[in-house]
Each structure stands twice: as structure tokens, then as C-alpha cells.
All heavy atoms as atom14 arrays in JSON, in Angstrom:
{
  "sequence": "MKKTYDSDTVAAYQTAQQTNREAVRTINATGAEQRSADH",
  "atom14_mask": [
    [1, 1, 1, 1, 1, 1, 1, 1, 0, 0, 0, 0, 0, 0],
    [1, 1, 1, 1, 1, 1, 1, 1, 1, 0, 0, 0, 0, 0],
    [1, 1, 1, 1, 1, 1, 1, 1, 1, 0, 0, 0, 0, 0],
    [1, 1, 1, 1, 1, 1, 1, 0, 0, 0, 0, 0, 0, 0],
    [1, 1, 1, 1, 1, 1, 1, 1, 1, 1, 1, 1, 0, 0],
    [1, 1, 1, 1, 1, 1, 1, 1, 0, 0, 0, 0, 0, 0],
    [1, 1, 1, 1, 1, 1, 0, 0, 0, 0, 0, 0, 0, 0],
    [1, 1, 1, 1, 1, 1, 1, 1, 0, 0, 0, 0, 0, 0],
    [1, 1, 1, 1, 1, 1, 1, 0, 0, 0, 0, 0, 0, 0],
    [1, 1, 1, 1, 1, 1, 1, 0, 0, 0, 0, 0, 0, 0],
    [1, 1, 1, 1, 1, 0, 0, 0, 0, 0, 0, 0, 0, 0],
    [1, 1, 1, 1, 1, 0, 0, 0, 0, 0, 0, 0, 0, 0],
    [1, 1, 1, 1, 1, 1, 1, 1, 1, 1, 1, 1, 0, 0],
    [1, 1, 1, 1, 1, 1, 1, 1, 1, 0, 0, 0, 0, 0],
    [1, 1, 1, 1, 1, 1, 1, 0, 0, 0, 0, 0, 0, 0],
    [1, 1, 1, 1, 1, 0, 0, 0, 0, 0, 0, 0, 0, 0],
    [1, 1, 1, 1, 1, 1, 1, 1, 1, 0, 0, 0, 0, 0],
    [1, 1, 1, 1, 1, 1, 1, 1, 1, 0, 0, 0, 0, 0],
    [1, 1, 1, 1, 1, 1, 1, 0, 0, 0, 0, 0, 0, 0],
    [1, 1, 1, 1, 1, 1, 1, 1, 0, 0, 0, 0, 0, 0],
    [1, 1, 1, 1, 1, 1, 1, 1, 1, 1, 1, 0, 0, 0],
    [1, 1, 1, 1, 1, 1, 1, 1, 1, 0, 0, 0, 0, 0],
    [1, 1, 1, 1, 1, 0, 0, 0, 0, 0, 0, 0, 0, 0],
    [1, 1, 1, 1, 1, 1, 1, 0, 0, 0, 0, 0, 0, 0],
    [1, 1, 1, 1, 1, 1, 1, 1, 1, 1, 1, 0, 0, 0],
    [1, 1, 1, 1, 1, 1, 1, 0, 0, 0, 0, 0, 0, 0],
    [1, 1, 1, 1, 1, 1, 1, 1, 0, 0, 0, 0, 0, 0],
    [1, 1, 1, 1, 1, 1, 1, 1, 0, 0, 0, 0, 0, 0],
    [1, 1, 1, 1, 1, 0, 0, 0, 0, 0, 0, 0, 0, 0],
    [1, 1, 1, 1, 1, 1, 1, 0, 0, 0, 0, 0, 0, 0],
    [1, 1, 1, 1, 0, 0, 0, 0, 0, 0, 0, 0, 0, 0],
    [1, 1, 1, 1, 1, 0, 0, 0, 0, 0, 0, 0, 0, 0],
    [1, 1, 1, 1, 1, 1, 1, 1, 1, 0, 0, 0, 0, 0],
    [1, 1, 1, 1, 1, 1, 1, 1, 1, 0, 0, 0, 0, 0],
    [1, 1, 1, 1, 1, 1, 1, 1, 1, 1, 1, 0, 0, 0],
    [1, 1, 1, 1, 1, 1, 0, 0, 0, 0, 0, 0, 0, 0],
    [1, 1, 1, 1, 1, 0, 0, 0, 0, 0, 0, 0, 0, 0],
    [1, 1, 1, 1, 1, 1, 1, 1, 0, 0, 0, 0, 0, 0],
    [1, 1, 1, 1, 1, 1, 1, 1, 1, 1, 0, 0, 0, 0]
  ],
  "atom14_positions": [
    [[6.11, 19.41, -11.23], [5.65, 19.51, -9.85], [5.92, 18.17, -9.08], [5.74, 17.11, -9.74], [4.14, 19.78, -9.86], [3.85, 21.23, -10.35], [2.06, 21.62, -10.35], [1.72, 21.33, -8.63], [0.0, 0.0, 0.0], [0.0, 0.0, 0.0], [0.0, 0.0, 0.0], [0.0, 0.0, 0.0], [0.0, 0.0, 0.0], [0.0, 0.0, 0.0]],
    [[6.15, 18.25, -7.93], [6.39, 17.02, -7.1], [4.99, 16.38, -6.84], [3.99, 17.15, -6.57], [6.93, 17.4, -5.7], [7.15, 16.19, -4.84], [7.85, 16.6, -3.49], [7.99, 15.35, -2.66], [8.44, 15.69, -1.32], [0.0, 0.0, 0.0], [0.0, 0.0, 0.0], [0.0, 0.0, 0.0], [0.0, 0.0, 0.0], [0.0, 0.0, 0.0]],
    [[4.91, 15.14, -7.1], [3.66, 14.42, -6.91], [3.32, 14.18, -5.46], [4.27, 13.81, -4.73], [3.66, 13.12, -7.65], [3.7, 13.2, -9.17], [3.65, 11.84, -9.8], [3.83, 12.07, -11.31], [3.75, 10.76, -11.99], [0.0, 0.0, 0.0], [0.0, 0.0, 0.0], [0.0, 0.0, 0.0], [0.0, 0.0, 0.0], [0.0, 0.0, 0.0]],
    [[2.18, 14.47, -5.07], [1.84, 14.22, -3.68], [0.65, 13.21, -3.69], [-0.28, 13.28, -4.53], [1.36, 15.5, -2.93], [0.29, 16.16, -3.69], [2.52, 16.45, -2.88], [0.0, 0.0, 0.0], [0.0, 0.0, 0.0], [0.0, 0.0, 0.0], [0.0, 0.0, 0.0], [0.0, 0.0, 0.0], [0.0, 0.0, 0.0], [0.0, 0.0, 0.0]],
    [[0.63, 12.33, -2.78], [-0.43, 11.35, -2.67], [-1.04, 11.41, -1.3], [-0.36, 11.77, -0.31], [0.19, 9.89, -2.86], [0.87, 9.76, -4.18], [2.25, 9.74, -4.29], [0.12, 9.49, -5.33], [2.84, 9.63, -5.52], [0.7, 9.4, -6.56], [2.14, 9.37, -6.62], [2.65, 9.24, -7.86], [0.0, 0.0, 0.0], [0.0, 0.0, 0.0]],
    [[-2.25, 11.08, -1.2], [-2.92, 11.18, 0.07], [-2.51, 9.93, 0.91], [-1.95, 8.9, 0.43], [-4.45, 11.1, -0.02], [-5.05, 9.95, -0.75], [-4.3, 8.97, -0.79], [-6.15, 10.06, -1.19], [0.0, 0.0, 0.0], [0.0, 0.0, 0.0], [0.0, 0.0, 0.0], [0.0, 0.0, 0.0], [0.0, 0.0, 0.0], [0.0, 0.0, 0.0]],
    [[-2.64, 9.97, 2.28], [-2.12, 8.94, 3.11], [-2.79, 7.61, 2.94], [-2.17, 6.53, 3.1], [-2.23, 9.36, 4.56], [-3.6, 9.59, 4.86], [0.0, 0.0, 0.0], [0.0, 0.0, 0.0], [0.0, 0.0, 0.0], [0.0, 0.0, 0.0], [0.0, 0.0, 0.0], [0.0, 0.0, 0.0], [0.0, 0.0, 0.0], [0.0, 0.0, 0.0]],
    [[-4.09, 7.64, 2.49], [-4.71, 6.3, 2.24], [-4.16, 5.57, 1.11], [-3.91, 4.43, 1.05], [-6.21, 6.5, 1.98], [-6.97, 6.98, 3.23], [-6.42, 6.75, 4.35], [-8.05, 7.6, 3.1], [0.0, 0.0, 0.0], [0.0, 0.0, 0.0], [0.0, 0.0, 0.0], [0.0, 0.0, 0.0], [0.0, 0.0, 0.0], [0.0, 0.0, 0.0]],
    [[-3.82, 6.33, 0.06], [-3.15, 5.68, -1.18], [-1.78, 5.15, -0.85], [-1.46, 4.02, -1.21], [-3.02, 6.74, -2.32], [-4.42, 7.25, -2.59], [-2.45, 6.11, -3.53], [0.0, 0.0, 0.0], [0.0, 0.0, 0.0], [0.0, 0.0, 0.0], [0.0, 0.0, 0.0], [0.0, 0.0, 0.0], [0.0, 0.0, 0.0], [0.0, 0.0, 0.0]],
    [[-1.02, 5.92, -0.08], [0.35, 5.48, 0.33], [0.22, 4.22, 1.23], [0.98, 3.21, 1.05], [1.07, 6.55, 1.11], [2.42, 6.02, 1.7], [1.34, 7.75, 0.04], [0.0, 0.0, 0.0], [0.0, 0.0, 0.0], [0.0, 0.0, 0.0], [0.0, 0.0, 0.0], [0.0, 0.0, 0.0], [0.0, 0.0, 0.0], [0.0, 0.0, 0.0]],
    [[-0.7, 4.26, 2.2], [-0.84, 3.04, 3.01], [-1.31, 1.81, 2.28], [-0.8, 0.74, 2.47], [-1.87, 3.38, 4.18], [0.0, 0.0, 0.0], [0.0, 0.0, 0.0], [0.0, 0.0, 0.0], [0.0, 0.0, 0.0], [0.0, 0.0, 0.0], [0.0, 0.0, 0.0], [0.0, 0.0, 0.0], [0.0, 0.0, 0.0], [0.0, 0.0, 0.0]],
    [[-2.2, 2.05, 1.3], [-2.69, 0.87, 0.54], [-1.53, 0.31, -0.29], [-1.35, -0.91, -0.48], [-3.78, 1.29, -0.41], [0.0, 0.0, 0.0], [0.0, 0.0, 0.0], [0.0, 0.0, 0.0], [0.0, 0.0, 0.0], [0.0, 0.0, 0.0], [0.0, 0.0, 0.0], [0.0, 0.0, 0.0], [0.0, 0.0, 0.0], [0.0, 0.0, 0.0]],
    [[-0.69, 1.22, -0.93], [0.45, 0.74, -1.7], [1.46, 0.03, -0.82], [1.97, -1.07, -1.25], [1.14, 1.93, -2.38], [2.41, 1.64, -3.09], [2.34, 1.03, -4.34], [3.66, 1.86, -2.53], [3.49, 0.76, -5.03], [4.82, 1.6, -3.18], [4.75, 1.02, -4.5], [5.86, 0.65, -5.14], [0.0, 0.0, 0.0], [0.0, 0.0, 0.0]],
    [[1.75, 0.54, 0.29], [2.75, -0.12, 1.21], [2.24, -1.47, 1.69], [2.93, -2.46, 1.77], [3.04, 0.78, 2.41], [3.89, 1.96, 2.01], [4.02, 2.97, 3.15], [3.19, 2.91, 4.14], [4.97, 3.82, 3.1], [0.0, 0.0, 0.0], [0.0, 0.0, 0.0], [0.0, 0.0, 0.0], [0.0, 0.0, 0.0], [0.0, 0.0, 0.0]],
    [[0.89, -1.57, 1.97], [0.33, -2.83, 2.37], [0.36, -3.87, 1.24], [0.75, -5.0, 1.42], [-1.17, -2.62, 2.78], [-1.21, -1.71, 3.9], [-1.8, -3.95, 3.17], [0.0, 0.0, 0.0], [0.0, 0.0, 0.0], [0.0, 0.0, 0.0], [0.0, 0.0, 0.0], [0.0, 0.0, 0.0], [0.0, 0.0, 0.0], [0.0, 0.0, 0.0]],
    [[0.13, -3.42, 0.07], [0.17, -4.29, -1.1], [1.6, -4.8, -1.34], [1.87, -5.96, -1.57], [-0.28, -3.63, -2.35], [0.0, 0.0, 0.0], [0.0, 0.0, 0.0], [0.0, 0.0, 0.0], [0.0, 0.0, 0.0], [0.0, 0.0, 0.0], [0.0, 0.0, 0.0], [0.0, 0.0, 0.0], [0.0, 0.0, 0.0], [0.0, 0.0, 0.0]],
    [[2.6, -3.94, -1.21], [4.04, -4.32, -1.4], [4.4, -5.35, -0.27], [5.12, -6.35, -0.65], [4.91, -3.05, -1.28], [4.79, -2.15, -2.5], [5.17, -2.86, -3.79], [6.17, -3.65, -3.78], [4.34, -2.74, -4.77], [0.0, 0.0, 0.0], [0.0, 0.0, 0.0], [0.0, 0.0, 0.0], [0.0, 0.0, 0.0], [0.0, 0.0, 0.0]],
    [[4.03, -5.09, 0.98], [4.35, -6.07, 2.09], [3.7, -7.38, 1.81], [4.31, -8.45, 2.03], [3.92, -5.4, 3.38], [4.12, -6.35, 4.61], [5.58, -6.69, 4.76], [6.5, -5.92, 4.46], [5.82, -7.96, 5.29], [0.0, 0.0, 0.0], [0.0, 0.0, 0.0], [0.0, 0.0, 0.0], [0.0, 0.0, 0.0], [0.0, 0.0, 0.0]],
    [[2.43, -7.36, 1.35], [1.72, -8.59, 1.06], [2.47, -9.38, -0.01], [2.62, -10.54, -0.02], [0.31, -8.34, 0.74], [-0.36, -7.61, 1.76], [-0.52, -9.57, 0.42], [0.0, 0.0, 0.0], [0.0, 0.0, 0.0], [0.0, 0.0, 0.0], [0.0, 0.0, 0.0], [0.0, 0.0, 0.0], [0.0, 0.0, 0.0], [0.0, 0.0, 0.0]],
    [[2.91, -8.68, -1.04], [3.56, -9.29, -2.16], [4.89, -9.84, -1.7], [5.19, -11.03, -2.09], [3.86, -8.19, -3.3], [4.48, -8.83, -4.46], [4.06, -9.92, -4.93], [5.47, -8.19, -5.02], [0.0, 0.0, 0.0], [0.0, 0.0, 0.0], [0.0, 0.0, 0.0], [0.0, 0.0, 0.0], [0.0, 0.0, 0.0], [0.0, 0.0, 0.0]],
    [[5.69, -9.22, -0.89], [6.97, -9.7, -0.46], [6.65, -10.99, 0.39], [7.46, -11.98, 0.34], [7.72, -8.67, 0.38], [8.33, -7.58, -0.47], [9.29, -6.71, 0.23], [8.64, -5.94, 1.25], [8.15, -4.68, 1.08], [8.19, -4.14, -0.07], [7.63, -4.05, 2.13], [0.0, 0.0, 0.0], [0.0, 0.0, 0.0], [0.0, 0.0, 0.0]],
    [[5.67, -10.92, 1.27], [5.38, -12.09, 2.14], [4.9, -13.31, 1.32], [5.2, -14.45, 1.61], [4.32, -11.74, 3.16], [4.32, -12.62, 4.38], [5.65, -12.76, 5.12], [6.33, -11.75, 5.34], [6.07, -13.94, 5.43], [0.0, 0.0, 0.0], [0.0, 0.0, 0.0], [0.0, 0.0, 0.0], [0.0, 0.0, 0.0], [0.0, 0.0, 0.0]],
    [[4.14, -12.99, 0.14], [3.68, -14.05, -0.7], [4.96, -14.74, -1.33], [4.96, -15.97, -1.47], [2.75, -13.54, -1.71], [0.0, 0.0, 0.0], [0.0, 0.0, 0.0], [0.0, 0.0, 0.0], [0.0, 0.0, 0.0], [0.0, 0.0, 0.0], [0.0, 0.0, 0.0], [0.0, 0.0, 0.0], [0.0, 0.0, 0.0], [0.0, 0.0, 0.0]],
    [[5.93, -13.94, -1.76], [7.12, -14.54, -2.37], [7.88, -15.42, -1.37], [8.32, -16.48, -1.7], [8.02, -13.41, -2.93], [9.39, -13.9, -3.31], [7.34, -12.74, -4.1], [0.0, 0.0, 0.0], [0.0, 0.0, 0.0], [0.0, 0.0, 0.0], [0.0, 0.0, 0.0], [0.0, 0.0, 0.0], [0.0, 0.0, 0.0], [0.0, 0.0, 0.0]],
    [[7.94, -15.0, -0.13], [8.58, -15.74, 0.93], [7.86, -17.09, 1.14], [8.5, -18.12, 1.34], [8.65, -14.98, 2.23], [9.57, -13.77, 2.13], [9.54, -12.97, 3.43], [10.18, -11.67, 3.18], [9.69, -10.53, 3.57], [8.49, -10.46, 4.2], [10.26, -9.38, 3.34], [0.0, 0.0, 0.0], [0.0, 0.0, 0.0], [0.0, 0.0, 0.0]],
    [[6.56, -17.04, 1.09], [5.79, -18.2, 1.31], [5.94, -19.25, 0.17], [6.1, -20.43, 0.34], [4.27, -17.84, 1.44], [4.09, -16.99, 2.59], [3.42, -19.11, 1.65], [0.0, 0.0, 0.0], [0.0, 0.0, 0.0], [0.0, 0.0, 0.0], [0.0, 0.0, 0.0], [0.0, 0.0, 0.0], [0.0, 0.0, 0.0], [0.0, 0.0, 0.0]],
    [[6.04, -18.63, -1.07], [6.21, -19.44, -2.2], [7.66, -20.14, -2.11], [7.75, -21.35, -2.46], [6.14, -18.65, -3.52], [4.65, -18.27, -3.75], [6.67, -19.39, -4.76], [4.43, -17.21, -4.76], [0.0, 0.0, 0.0], [0.0, 0.0, 0.0], [0.0, 0.0, 0.0], [0.0, 0.0, 0.0], [0.0, 0.0, 0.0], [0.0, 0.0, 0.0]],
    [[8.64, -19.38, -1.68], [9.97, -19.93, -1.52], [10.02, -21.06, -0.57], [10.55, -22.1, -0.79], [10.95, -18.88, -1.04], [11.28, -17.89, -2.18], [11.05, -18.12, -3.36], [11.81, -16.73, -1.75], [0.0, 0.0, 0.0], [0.0, 0.0, 0.0], [0.0, 0.0, 0.0], [0.0, 0.0, 0.0], [0.0, 0.0, 0.0], [0.0, 0.0, 0.0]],
    [[9.33, -20.94, 0.63], [9.25, -21.98, 1.65], [8.44, -23.18, 1.15], [8.87, -24.31, 1.39], [8.62, -21.36, 2.89], [0.0, 0.0, 0.0], [0.0, 0.0, 0.0], [0.0, 0.0, 0.0], [0.0, 0.0, 0.0], [0.0, 0.0, 0.0], [0.0, 0.0, 0.0], [0.0, 0.0, 0.0], [0.0, 0.0, 0.0], [0.0, 0.0, 0.0]],
    [[7.41, -22.96, 0.46], [6.64, -24.05, -0.05], [7.42, -24.79, -1.17], [7.37, -26.04, -1.25], [5.27, -23.55, -0.73], [4.61, -22.76, 0.21], [4.44, -24.66, -1.32], [0.0, 0.0, 0.0], [0.0, 0.0, 0.0], [0.0, 0.0, 0.0], [0.0, 0.0, 0.0], [0.0, 0.0, 0.0], [0.0, 0.0, 0.0], [0.0, 0.0, 0.0]],
    [[8.23, -24.1, -1.94], [9.04, -24.73, -2.96], [10.13, -25.57, -2.27], [10.37, -26.71, -2.78], [0.0, 0.0, 0.0], [0.0, 0.0, 0.0], [0.0, 0.0, 0.0], [0.0, 0.0, 0.0], [0.0, 0.0, 0.0], [0.0, 0.0, 0.0], [0.0, 0.0, 0.0], [0.0, 0.0, 0.0], [0.0, 0.0, 0.0], [0.0, 0.0, 0.0]],
    [[10.71, -25.13, -1.18], [11.65, -25.94, -0.46], [11.02, -27.23, 0.13], [11.69, -28.29, 0.05], [12.31, -25.18, 0.69], [0.0, 0.0, 0.0], [0.0, 0.0, 0.0], [0.0, 0.0, 0.0], [0.0, 0.0, 0.0], [0.0, 0.0, 0.0], [0.0, 0.0, 0.0], [0.0, 0.0, 0.0], [0.0, 0.0, 0.0], [0.0, 0.0, 0.0]],
    [[9.83, -27.09, 0.6], [9.03, -28.28, 1.13], [8.79, -29.27, -0.01], [8.92, -30.48, 0.09], [7.76, -27.91, 1.77], [7.99, -27.17, 3.1], [8.55, -28.08, 4.15], [8.38, -29.34, 4.1], [9.22, -27.54, 4.99], [0.0, 0.0, 0.0], [0.0, 0.0, 0.0], [0.0, 0.0, 0.0], [0.0, 0.0, 0.0], [0.0, 0.0, 0.0]],
    [[8.47, -28.74, -1.2], [8.13, -29.65, -2.35], [9.44, -30.32, -2.81], [9.44, -31.48, -3.16], [7.5, -28.83, -3.54], [7.08, -29.7, -4.71], [6.14, -30.78, -4.33], [5.14, -30.54, -3.69], [6.4, -31.98, -4.74], [0.0, 0.0, 0.0], [0.0, 0.0, 0.0], [0.0, 0.0, 0.0], [0.0, 0.0, 0.0], [0.0, 0.0, 0.0]],
    [[10.55, -29.55, -2.93], [11.84, -30.18, -3.27], [12.17, -31.26, -2.33], [12.69, -32.3, -2.74], [12.89, -29.08, -3.37], [12.7, -28.24, -4.57], [13.93, -27.3, -4.81], [14.19, -26.47, -3.64], [13.62, -25.23, -3.46], [12.76, -24.8, -4.31], [14.01, -24.44, -2.39], [0.0, 0.0, 0.0], [0.0, 0.0, 0.0], [0.0, 0.0, 0.0]],
    [[11.93, -31.04, -1.03], [12.28, -32.03, -0.07], [11.4, -33.24, -0.2], [12.02, -34.41, -0.18], [12.04, -31.43, 1.32], [12.22, -32.43, 2.33], [0.0, 0.0, 0.0], [0.0, 0.0, 0.0], [0.0, 0.0, 0.0], [0.0, 0.0, 0.0], [0.0, 0.0, 0.0], [0.0, 0.0, 0.0], [0.0, 0.0, 0.0], [0.0, 0.0, 0.0]],
    [[10.16, -33.1, -0.53], [9.32, -34.24, -0.82], [9.71, -35.01, -2.07], [9.72, -36.24, -2.02], [7.81, -33.79, -0.89], [0.0, 0.0, 0.0], [0.0, 0.0, 0.0], [0.0, 0.0, 0.0], [0.0, 0.0, 0.0], [0.0, 0.0, 0.0], [0.0, 0.0, 0.0], [0.0, 0.0, 0.0], [0.0, 0.0, 0.0], [0.0, 0.0, 0.0]],
    [[10.16, -34.26, -3.01], [10.6, -34.89, -4.27], [11.88, -35.73, -4.06], [12.05, -36.83, -4.54], [10.83, -33.85, -5.37], [9.57, -33.17, -5.85], [8.43, -33.72, -5.53], [9.66, -32.1, -6.48], [0.0, 0.0, 0.0], [0.0, 0.0, 0.0], [0.0, 0.0, 0.0], [0.0, 0.0, 0.0], [0.0, 0.0, 0.0], [0.0, 0.0, 0.0]],
    [[12.83, -35.06, -3.3], [14.07, -35.8, -2.93], [13.84, -37.12, -2.18], [14.43, -38.1, -2.42], [15.02, -34.96, -2.15], [15.5, -33.71, -2.9], [15.89, -32.57, -2.22], [15.63, -33.45, -4.15], [16.23, -31.68, -3.13], [16.11, -32.2, -4.31], [0.0, 0.0, 0.0], [0.0, 0.0, 0.0], [0.0, 0.0, 0.0], [0.0, 0.0, 0.0]]
  ]
}
């Protein structure tokens, strides 16, 4: 059977994924700043 999810679950999952991607981008930018300070 095809799995169906309610809209709240889908929205929560999508929000979590977006937050995770933005966190990775922030970590990348912070890493660049730290490398700059080290150089």
C-alpha cells in the first residue's frame, strides 16, 4: 500500500529538512570565517 502521511507530519519533516540545510550552510560560512582568522 502507498504510505500516506498527514499534512502536519509532512510540514514538520520539510521544516526540519530546511532547518538542517540552513544549519549546514551556517557551519560552512562559520568555517570560512575561522579559516580566515587562522590565516
